[in-house]
Every structure is written in C-alpha cells, then in structure tokens.
N, C-alpha and C. Protein backbone atom coordinates (compact mmCIF):
# COMPACT_ATOMS: atom_id res chain seq x y z
N MET A 1 1.44 6.63 -36.12
CA MET A 1 2.24 7.17 -35.20
C MET A 1 2.72 7.15 -33.73
N ALA A 2 4.05 7.75 -33.49
CA ALA A 2 4.73 7.43 -32.42
C ALA A 2 3.88 8.12 -30.67
N ASP A 3 4.59 7.17 -30.29
CA ASP A 3 4.09 6.60 -29.29
C ASP A 3 5.07 7.90 -27.73
N GLN A 4 4.67 8.49 -27.70
CA GLN A 4 4.69 10.38 -27.50
C GLN A 4 5.07 10.59 -25.92
N ARG A 5 4.91 8.74 -25.33
CA ARG A 5 4.36 9.40 -23.56
C ARG A 5 6.04 9.93 -24.08
N THR A 6 7.20 10.21 -22.14
CA THR A 6 8.38 9.70 -21.37
C THR A 6 9.12 8.62 -21.17
N MET A 7 10.13 8.87 -21.07
CA MET A 7 10.44 7.77 -20.64
C MET A 7 9.72 7.03 -19.01
N ALA A 8 9.77 7.90 -18.56
CA ALA A 8 9.74 8.13 -16.51
C ALA A 8 7.72 7.56 -16.75
N GLU A 9 7.09 7.74 -18.13
CA GLU A 9 5.87 7.46 -18.56
C GLU A 9 6.23 5.42 -18.22
N LEU A 10 6.73 5.37 -19.70
CA LEU A 10 7.26 4.26 -20.01
C LEU A 10 7.74 3.05 -19.46
N LEU A 11 8.47 3.72 -18.39
CA LEU A 11 8.96 2.64 -17.00
C LEU A 11 8.27 2.48 -15.65
N ARG A 12 7.27 3.32 -16.13
CA ARG A 12 5.64 3.67 -14.27
C ARG A 12 5.37 2.16 -14.38
N ALA A 13 4.62 1.31 -13.42
CA ALA A 13 4.61 0.19 -13.32
C ALA A 13 2.26 0.61 -13.80
N PRO A 14 2.16 -0.46 -14.70
CA PRO A 14 0.88 -0.18 -14.94
C PRO A 14 0.01 -0.18 -13.28
N THR A 15 -0.96 0.54 -13.39
CA THR A 15 -2.39 0.70 -12.19
C THR A 15 -2.91 0.72 -13.00
N GLU A 16 -3.59 0.22 -13.42
CA GLU A 16 -5.31 0.38 -14.06
C GLU A 16 -5.75 -1.58 -13.77
N SER A 17 -7.02 -0.68 -13.18
CA SER A 17 -7.80 -2.07 -12.30
C SER A 17 -7.50 -2.45 -11.22
N TYR A 18 -6.10 -2.60 -10.46
CA TYR A 18 -5.66 -3.23 -9.51
C TYR A 18 -6.68 -2.87 -7.93
N ALA A 19 -7.22 -1.65 -8.92
CA ALA A 19 -8.75 -1.65 -7.03
C ALA A 19 -9.04 -3.20 -7.54
N LYS A 20 -9.97 -3.58 -8.01
CA LYS A 20 -10.64 -4.63 -8.05
C LYS A 20 -10.29 -5.87 -7.19
N ALA A 21 -8.66 -5.87 -6.67
CA ALA A 21 -7.22 -7.50 -6.56
C ALA A 21 -7.59 -6.95 -4.95
N ILE A 22 -7.25 -5.72 -5.30
CA ILE A 22 -7.18 -5.99 -3.41
C ILE A 22 -8.79 -6.26 -2.36
N VAL A 23 -8.39 -7.17 -2.19
CA VAL A 23 -9.05 -8.18 -0.86
C VAL A 23 -8.59 -7.55 0.68
N VAL A 24 -9.98 -7.54 1.71
CA VAL A 24 -9.57 -7.30 2.72
C VAL A 24 -10.30 -8.49 3.72
N PRO A 25 -9.20 -9.45 3.18
CA PRO A 25 -9.02 -10.30 4.68
C PRO A 25 -9.93 -10.77 5.45
N SER A 26 -11.15 -11.80 6.04
CA SER A 26 -11.37 -11.57 7.57
C SER A 26 -10.69 -12.15 8.66
N ILE A 27 -11.35 -11.58 10.15
CA ILE A 27 -9.98 -11.23 10.81
C ILE A 27 -10.61 -12.48 12.12
N PRO A 28 -10.02 -13.20 12.11
CA PRO A 28 -11.53 -14.39 13.24
C PRO A 28 -10.76 -13.62 14.50
N ALA A 29 -10.06 -12.68 14.89
CA ALA A 29 -9.65 -12.80 16.78
C ALA A 29 -10.36 -11.41 16.64
N GLU A 30 -11.70 -11.71 18.31
CA GLU A 30 -11.91 -11.29 18.82
C GLU A 30 -11.72 -10.02 19.25
N HIS A 31 -10.34 -9.82 20.28
CA HIS A 31 -9.34 -8.83 20.30
C HIS A 31 -7.96 -8.55 20.54
N PHE A 32 -7.96 -8.13 19.89
CA PHE A 32 -6.78 -7.07 19.66
C PHE A 32 -6.41 -5.40 19.75
N LYS A 33 -5.55 -4.66 19.72
CA LYS A 33 -5.40 -3.64 19.48
C LYS A 33 -4.27 -3.29 19.18
N LEU A 34 -4.63 -1.98 17.63
CA LEU A 34 -3.62 -1.19 16.94
C LEU A 34 -3.07 -0.34 18.31
N LYS A 35 -2.11 0.18 18.40
CA LYS A 35 -1.23 0.95 18.78
C LYS A 35 -0.88 2.17 18.32
N HIS A 36 -1.27 3.17 18.95
CA HIS A 36 -0.68 4.81 18.70
C HIS A 36 -0.28 4.84 18.04
N SER A 37 1.37 4.29 18.24
CA SER A 37 2.50 4.66 17.97
C SER A 37 3.13 3.51 15.61
N LEU A 38 1.58 2.70 15.83
CA LEU A 38 1.27 1.96 14.57
C LEU A 38 0.14 2.97 13.66
N ILE A 39 -0.03 3.43 13.68
CA ILE A 39 -1.42 4.31 13.57
C ILE A 39 -0.50 5.96 12.78
N ASN A 40 0.19 5.80 13.70
CA ASN A 40 1.06 7.63 13.41
C ASN A 40 1.68 6.81 12.57
N LEU A 41 2.59 5.38 12.33
CA LEU A 41 4.14 5.16 11.60
C LEU A 41 2.49 5.13 9.28
N VAL A 42 2.42 4.63 9.38
CA VAL A 42 1.04 4.38 8.88
C VAL A 42 0.18 5.62 8.28
N THR A 43 0.09 6.32 8.92
CA THR A 43 -0.34 7.48 8.37
C THR A 43 0.36 8.71 8.33
N SER A 44 1.91 8.61 8.34
CA SER A 44 3.02 9.59 7.93
C SER A 44 3.00 9.79 6.90
N LYS A 45 2.91 8.67 5.32
CA LYS A 45 3.10 8.63 4.18
C LYS A 45 1.56 8.15 4.14
N GLN A 46 1.79 8.68 3.21
CA GLN A 46 -0.41 8.10 2.51
C GLN A 46 0.32 8.47 1.50
N PHE A 47 0.03 8.28 0.69
CA PHE A 47 -0.82 8.00 -1.07
C PHE A 47 -1.90 8.92 -1.34
N PHE A 48 -1.12 9.81 -1.66
CA PHE A 48 -2.36 10.23 -2.52
C PHE A 48 -2.35 9.76 -3.88
N GLY A 49 -2.32 9.59 -4.72
CA GLY A 49 -2.43 9.12 -6.51
C GLY A 49 -1.72 10.16 -7.26
N PHE A 50 -0.96 11.16 -6.40
CA PHE A 50 -0.13 12.10 -7.75
C PHE A 50 0.71 11.09 -9.20
N GLU A 51 0.56 12.42 -9.69
CA GLU A 51 1.87 11.74 -10.80
C GLU A 51 2.59 10.70 -9.99
N LYS A 52 3.38 12.01 -10.08
CA LYS A 52 5.01 11.32 -9.69
C LYS A 52 5.25 10.57 -8.36
N GLU A 53 3.99 10.24 -7.27
CA GLU A 53 4.23 8.63 -6.54
C GLU A 53 4.15 7.82 -7.72
N ASP A 54 4.11 7.00 -6.18
CA ASP A 54 5.14 5.61 -6.96
C ASP A 54 4.22 4.69 -5.60
N PRO A 55 3.06 3.74 -6.00
CA PRO A 55 1.85 3.48 -5.45
C PRO A 55 3.08 2.22 -4.98
N HIS A 56 4.04 1.64 -6.38
CA HIS A 56 4.34 0.72 -5.69
C HIS A 56 5.39 0.21 -4.43
N ALA A 57 6.19 2.07 -4.35
CA ALA A 57 7.38 1.91 -3.01
C ALA A 57 6.02 2.13 -2.19
N HIS A 58 4.77 2.72 -2.16
CA HIS A 58 3.36 3.30 -0.94
C HIS A 58 3.19 1.96 -0.30
N ILE A 59 2.93 0.52 -0.95
CA ILE A 59 2.68 -0.86 -0.79
C ILE A 59 3.74 -1.67 -0.24
N ARG A 60 5.38 -1.01 -0.18
CA ARG A 60 6.35 -1.42 -0.12
C ARG A 60 6.56 -1.84 1.32
N TYR A 61 6.90 -0.19 1.55
CA TYR A 61 6.80 0.39 2.70
C TYR A 61 5.44 0.10 3.96
N PHE A 62 4.18 0.08 3.50
CA PHE A 62 3.21 -0.13 3.74
C PHE A 62 3.97 -1.33 4.53
N ASN A 63 3.94 -2.73 3.58
CA ASN A 63 4.16 -4.24 4.12
C ASN A 63 5.66 -3.95 5.29
N LYS A 64 5.86 -3.44 4.92
CA LYS A 64 7.59 -3.21 6.40
C LYS A 64 6.92 -2.59 7.08
N ILE A 65 6.42 -1.83 7.03
CA ILE A 65 5.70 -1.03 8.39
C ILE A 65 5.09 -1.77 9.98
N THR A 66 3.96 -2.84 8.20
CA THR A 66 2.56 -3.54 8.69
C THR A 66 3.26 -5.24 9.58
N SER A 67 4.89 -5.51 8.47
CA SER A 67 5.15 -6.98 8.58
C SER A 67 6.14 -6.82 9.97
N THR A 68 6.32 -5.86 10.94
CA THR A 68 7.13 -5.87 12.22
C THR A 68 5.87 -6.52 13.29
N LEU A 69 4.72 -6.39 12.81
CA LEU A 69 3.49 -6.75 14.26
C LEU A 69 3.03 -8.28 13.73
N LYS A 70 2.33 -8.76 15.63
CA LYS A 70 2.20 -9.90 14.38
C LYS A 70 0.84 -9.46 15.82
N TYR A 71 -0.28 -10.24 15.65
CA TYR A 71 -0.78 -10.96 16.47
C TYR A 71 -2.12 -12.13 16.11
N LYS A 72 -2.34 -12.31 17.38
CA LYS A 72 -2.37 -13.98 17.36
C LYS A 72 -4.30 -13.54 16.22
N ASP A 73 -4.19 -14.93 15.37
CA ASP A 73 -5.58 -14.86 15.23
C ASP A 73 -5.22 -13.04 14.09
N VAL A 74 -5.36 -13.34 13.89
CA VAL A 74 -4.31 -11.66 12.97
C VAL A 74 -4.39 -11.88 11.72
N PRO A 75 -4.62 -12.45 10.61
CA PRO A 75 -3.16 -11.60 9.40
C PRO A 75 -2.68 -10.41 8.89
C-alpha cells in the first residue's frame, strides 16, 4: 500500500515523544526579575500545536528572544 501523506506532511519534522525531552533546569539565583516586556514578547507568539504550526520555528523564535537577556546564575 502506498504512503498517502502529502509532501508537506513528509517534510515535517517528527515531534512524537518530544515532551519527555524537555527538562526544566534548576535556577541557583535567589533574586531576579523578569521584565514585563520580555513576558509580552514571549507570549505574543504562542504555540498552540495546530497542524500548520512549526514547533521548531517556535523554539527558534523563543531562543532568539530569550538569548538577548542574561541574568547572573540563571541558565
């Protein structure tokens, strides 16, 4: 039986069982503040898991935004 997936489906990166790969690191810093503008930037482009959304593009955007800020003792 032939594969009935579309070209877009065949080119999409697999995301099954990726939730187990997400690990929240411990934060040794005791005092730091997240600025309201950072929270607005991150929440302005949320990922909802729709079929046409690219989870990898969402992670790249998130990393781009969060990499601009550095806090002492915060990974």
